[in-house]
Amino acid sequence: MTEYEKMVKGLIYDPLDDEIMSEQQKYQDRLWEFNQLKPSDHDKKLAYMKEVFAECGDDCYIELPFHANWGGHHLHLGSGVYSNSNLTLVDDGHIYVGDRVMFGPNVTVATANHPFEAELRRKGLQYNKDVYIGENAWIAAGVMIVPGVHIGRNTVIGAGSVVTKDIPDNVLAVGNPCRVIRTLSDEDRKSVTKFQ
């Protein structure tokens, strides 16, 4: 089995393998070009997302700069996804983002992990765990999401949180480590409508 095949299967592998590095470099070069685009280059931005991302729904928007190990090649976006600037994806594994998810500035989503065994780390080996973010989630400014996490539908992750375990649907979760504070309710809807 090649190192690339191990990577795809979520097994421990060498990310500095020549085949992997050669493939990854192509996406890194494309990402550099993407980050040079002007804010008004909507069509060019969309073309990049449709060509490079694993999936990209309709009406997605990413404020630049955007950072990703594989240029977003392992990113699956639903429709209506919005990202503020400095979204950082360690997308060696896959990242699945549902419809209408919102990312605040300076969010990091990581899929790559390193073994606890020092000898394996010394060899530079890693493995990947996919991340899932449910539809309508709001990931606020400065959130960090670690490998293998699932975040539920309609959930809000508060600013600066470090998400180290799964978070269910329809909750507000905050902190380091991130934990559920409460279930979202009709009262949340009422508190916003009074400003309309």
Protein backbone atom coordinates (compact mmCIF):
# COMPACT_ATOMS: atom_id res chain seq x y z
CA MET A 1 0.00 0.00 0.00
CA THR A 2 1.38 3.44 -0.91
CA GLU A 3 1.69 6.27 1.59
CA TYR A 4 -1.02 8.15 -0.32
CA GLU A 5 -3.37 5.15 -0.02
CA LYS A 6 -2.65 5.02 3.72
CA MET A 7 -3.46 8.73 4.00
CA VAL A 8 -6.80 8.29 2.23
CA LYS A 9 -7.73 5.34 4.49
CA GLY A 10 -6.95 7.26 7.71
CA LEU A 11 -3.96 5.05 8.53
CA ILE A 12 -0.64 6.28 9.89
CA TYR A 13 1.52 7.50 7.01
CA ASP A 14 4.46 9.66 5.99
CA PRO A 15 3.19 13.08 4.83
CA LEU A 16 6.62 13.84 3.32
CA ASP A 17 6.31 10.98 0.83
CA ASP A 18 7.30 12.15 -2.68
CA GLU A 19 3.94 11.27 -4.26
CA ILE A 20 2.02 13.10 -1.54
CA MET A 21 4.28 16.15 -1.62
CA SER A 22 4.09 16.39 -5.40
CA GLU A 23 0.29 16.24 -5.38
CA GLN A 24 -0.06 18.63 -2.45
CA GLN A 25 2.28 21.21 -4.01
CA LYS A 26 -0.08 21.65 -6.97
CA TYR A 27 -2.89 22.65 -4.62
CA GLN A 28 -0.60 24.91 -2.59
CA ASP A 29 0.37 26.79 -5.75
CA ARG A 30 -3.28 27.19 -6.74
CA LEU A 31 -4.10 28.41 -3.22
CA TRP A 32 -1.38 31.08 -3.44
CA GLU A 33 -3.01 32.36 -6.64
CA PHE A 34 -6.46 32.29 -4.99
CA ASN A 35 -5.21 34.45 -2.13
CA GLN A 36 -3.96 37.09 -4.59
CA LEU A 37 -7.48 37.72 -5.93
CA LYS A 38 -9.19 41.06 -5.35
CA PRO A 39 -12.40 41.22 -3.30
CA SER A 40 -14.28 42.03 -6.53
CA ASP A 41 -13.00 38.87 -8.32
CA HIS A 42 -16.17 36.94 -7.45
CA ASP A 43 -16.17 34.75 -10.57
CA LYS A 44 -12.51 33.76 -10.13
CA LYS A 45 -13.06 32.94 -6.46
CA LEU A 46 -16.05 30.79 -7.32
CA ALA A 47 -14.14 29.04 -10.12
CA TYR A 48 -11.37 28.10 -7.67
CA MET A 49 -13.83 26.72 -5.11
CA LYS A 50 -15.72 24.67 -7.72
CA GLU A 51 -12.51 23.28 -9.28
CA VAL A 52 -10.36 22.63 -6.21
CA PHE A 53 -12.73 21.79 -3.34
CA ALA A 54 -13.99 18.22 -3.06
CA GLU A 55 -17.51 19.71 -3.15
CA CYS A 56 -18.85 23.25 -3.22
CA GLY A 57 -22.55 24.09 -3.17
CA ASP A 58 -24.17 27.29 -4.38
CA ASP A 59 -23.74 30.77 -2.90
CA CYS A 60 -20.60 30.07 -0.87
CA TYR A 61 -18.27 32.94 0.03
CA ILE A 62 -14.81 32.97 1.58
CA GLU A 63 -13.11 36.16 2.73
CA LEU A 64 -9.42 36.02 1.93
CA PRO A 65 -6.87 35.09 3.06
CA PHE A 66 -7.76 31.41 3.23
CA HIS A 67 -5.24 28.80 4.43
CA ALA A 68 -5.37 25.05 3.79
CA ASN A 69 -2.74 22.31 3.65
CA TRP A 70 -4.33 20.91 0.49
CA GLY A 71 -5.83 24.20 -0.75
CA GLY A 72 -9.28 22.96 0.27
CA HIS A 73 -9.04 19.85 -1.93
CA HIS A 74 -10.51 17.74 0.91
CA LEU A 75 -13.18 20.29 1.82
CA HIS A 76 -16.86 19.47 1.23
CA LEU A 77 -19.01 22.62 1.40
CA GLY A 78 -22.79 22.66 1.33
CA SER A 79 -24.65 25.68 -0.04
CA GLY A 80 -24.71 29.15 1.46
CA VAL A 81 -21.54 28.69 3.53
CA TYR A 82 -19.80 31.90 4.64
CA SER A 83 -16.29 32.22 6.01
CA ASN A 84 -14.73 35.36 7.38
CA SER A 85 -10.99 35.94 6.87
CA ASN A 86 -8.17 33.65 7.99
CA LEU A 87 -10.07 30.38 7.93
CA THR A 88 -7.32 27.78 8.41
CA LEU A 89 -7.94 24.18 7.39
CA VAL A 90 -5.53 21.36 8.10
CA ASP A 91 -7.32 19.43 5.37
CA ASP A 92 -5.08 16.38 5.08
CA GLY A 93 -8.28 14.52 5.96
CA HIS A 94 -11.79 15.47 4.87
CA ILE A 95 -13.83 18.33 6.32
CA TYR A 96 -17.60 18.18 5.76
CA VAL A 97 -19.50 21.46 6.19
CA GLY A 98 -23.30 21.56 5.95
CA ASP A 99 -25.50 24.17 4.31
CA ARG A 100 -25.49 27.73 5.69
CA VAL A 101 -22.62 27.22 8.13
CA MET A 102 -20.95 30.47 9.20
CA PHE A 103 -17.29 30.79 10.23
CA GLY A 104 -16.06 33.83 12.12
CA PRO A 105 -12.53 35.19 11.56
CA ASN A 106 -9.47 33.18 12.57
CA VAL A 107 -11.14 29.77 12.84
CA THR A 108 -8.96 26.65 12.61
CA VAL A 109 -10.26 23.20 11.66
CA ALA A 110 -7.67 20.41 11.89
CA THR A 111 -7.89 16.83 10.65
CA ALA A 112 -4.22 15.82 10.96
CA ASN A 113 -3.06 14.16 14.15
CA HIS A 114 0.27 12.86 15.36
CA PRO A 115 0.92 9.71 17.39
CA PHE A 116 1.68 9.91 21.11
CA GLU A 117 4.64 7.58 20.59
CA ALA A 118 7.67 9.89 20.36
CA GLU A 119 9.60 7.60 18.01
CA LEU A 120 6.78 7.73 15.45
CA ARG A 121 6.57 11.52 15.76
CA ARG A 122 10.34 11.74 15.30
CA LYS A 123 9.84 9.99 11.95
CA GLY A 124 7.27 12.68 11.05
CA LEU A 125 4.36 10.25 10.77
CA GLN A 126 0.72 11.31 11.11
CA TYR A 127 -2.85 10.11 10.63
CA ASN A 128 -6.05 11.98 9.82
CA LYS A 129 -9.55 12.05 11.31
CA ASP A 130 -12.36 13.70 9.35
CA VAL A 131 -14.36 16.60 10.83
CA TYR A 132 -18.13 17.13 10.37
CA ILE A 133 -19.99 20.41 10.91
CA GLY A 134 -23.78 20.26 10.65
CA GLU A 135 -26.01 22.64 8.70
CA ASN A 136 -26.76 26.09 10.13
CA ALA A 137 -23.92 25.90 12.65
CA TRP A 138 -22.17 29.12 13.62
CA ILE A 139 -18.48 28.74 14.45
CA ALA A 140 -17.54 32.07 16.05
CA ALA A 141 -14.23 33.97 15.94
CA GLY A 142 -11.06 32.20 16.99
CA VAL A 143 -12.54 28.72 17.43
CA MET A 144 -10.23 25.71 17.12
CA ILE A 145 -11.70 22.33 16.10
CA VAL A 146 -9.51 19.26 16.57
CA PRO A 147 -9.42 16.07 14.44
CA GLY A 148 -12.40 13.72 14.45
CA VAL A 149 -14.96 16.13 15.94
CA HIS A 150 -18.64 16.22 14.91
CA ILE A 151 -20.57 19.47 15.51
CA GLY A 152 -24.35 19.25 15.35
CA ARG A 153 -26.92 21.10 13.26
CA ASN A 154 -27.94 24.63 14.32
CA THR A 155 -25.29 24.67 17.04
CA VAL A 156 -23.36 27.79 18.07
CA ILE A 157 -19.72 27.44 19.13
CA GLY A 158 -18.71 30.53 21.13
CA ALA A 159 -15.69 32.66 20.28
CA GLY A 160 -12.29 31.33 21.33
CA SER A 161 -13.54 27.82 22.08
CA VAL A 162 -11.39 24.72 21.61
CA VAL A 163 -13.63 21.88 20.44
CA THR A 164 -12.11 18.57 21.54
CA LYS A 165 -15.18 16.31 21.49
CA ASP A 166 -18.49 15.96 19.66
CA ILE A 167 -21.12 18.67 20.25
CA PRO A 168 -24.82 17.80 19.67
CA ASP A 169 -27.48 19.60 17.60
CA ASN A 170 -29.22 22.79 18.72
CA VAL A 171 -26.94 23.90 21.56
CA LEU A 172 -24.70 26.76 22.62
CA ALA A 173 -21.26 25.46 23.51
CA VAL A 174 -18.24 27.47 24.69
CA GLY A 175 -14.91 27.22 26.44
CA ASN A 176 -11.62 25.37 26.51
CA PRO A 177 -12.38 22.57 26.36
CA CYS A 178 -15.66 23.44 24.66
CA ARG A 179 -18.73 22.24 26.57
CA VAL A 180 -22.47 22.59 26.16
CA ILE A 181 -23.90 25.52 28.12
CA ARG A 182 -27.53 25.12 27.16
CA THR A 183 -30.00 24.05 24.51
CA LEU A 184 -31.06 26.75 22.05
CA SER A 185 -34.75 27.61 22.37
CA ASP A 186 -37.59 29.84 21.18
CA GLU A 187 -36.37 32.43 23.70
CA ASP A 188 -33.26 32.91 21.55
CA ARG A 189 -35.46 33.69 18.55
CA LYS A 190 -37.56 36.14 20.61
CA SER A 191 -34.49 37.98 21.89
CA VAL A 192 -33.40 38.74 18.30
CA THR A 193 -36.81 39.68 16.91
CA LYS A 194 -37.22 42.48 19.46
CA PHE A 195 -34.43 44.35 17.60
CA GLN A 196 -36.20 44.09 14.22
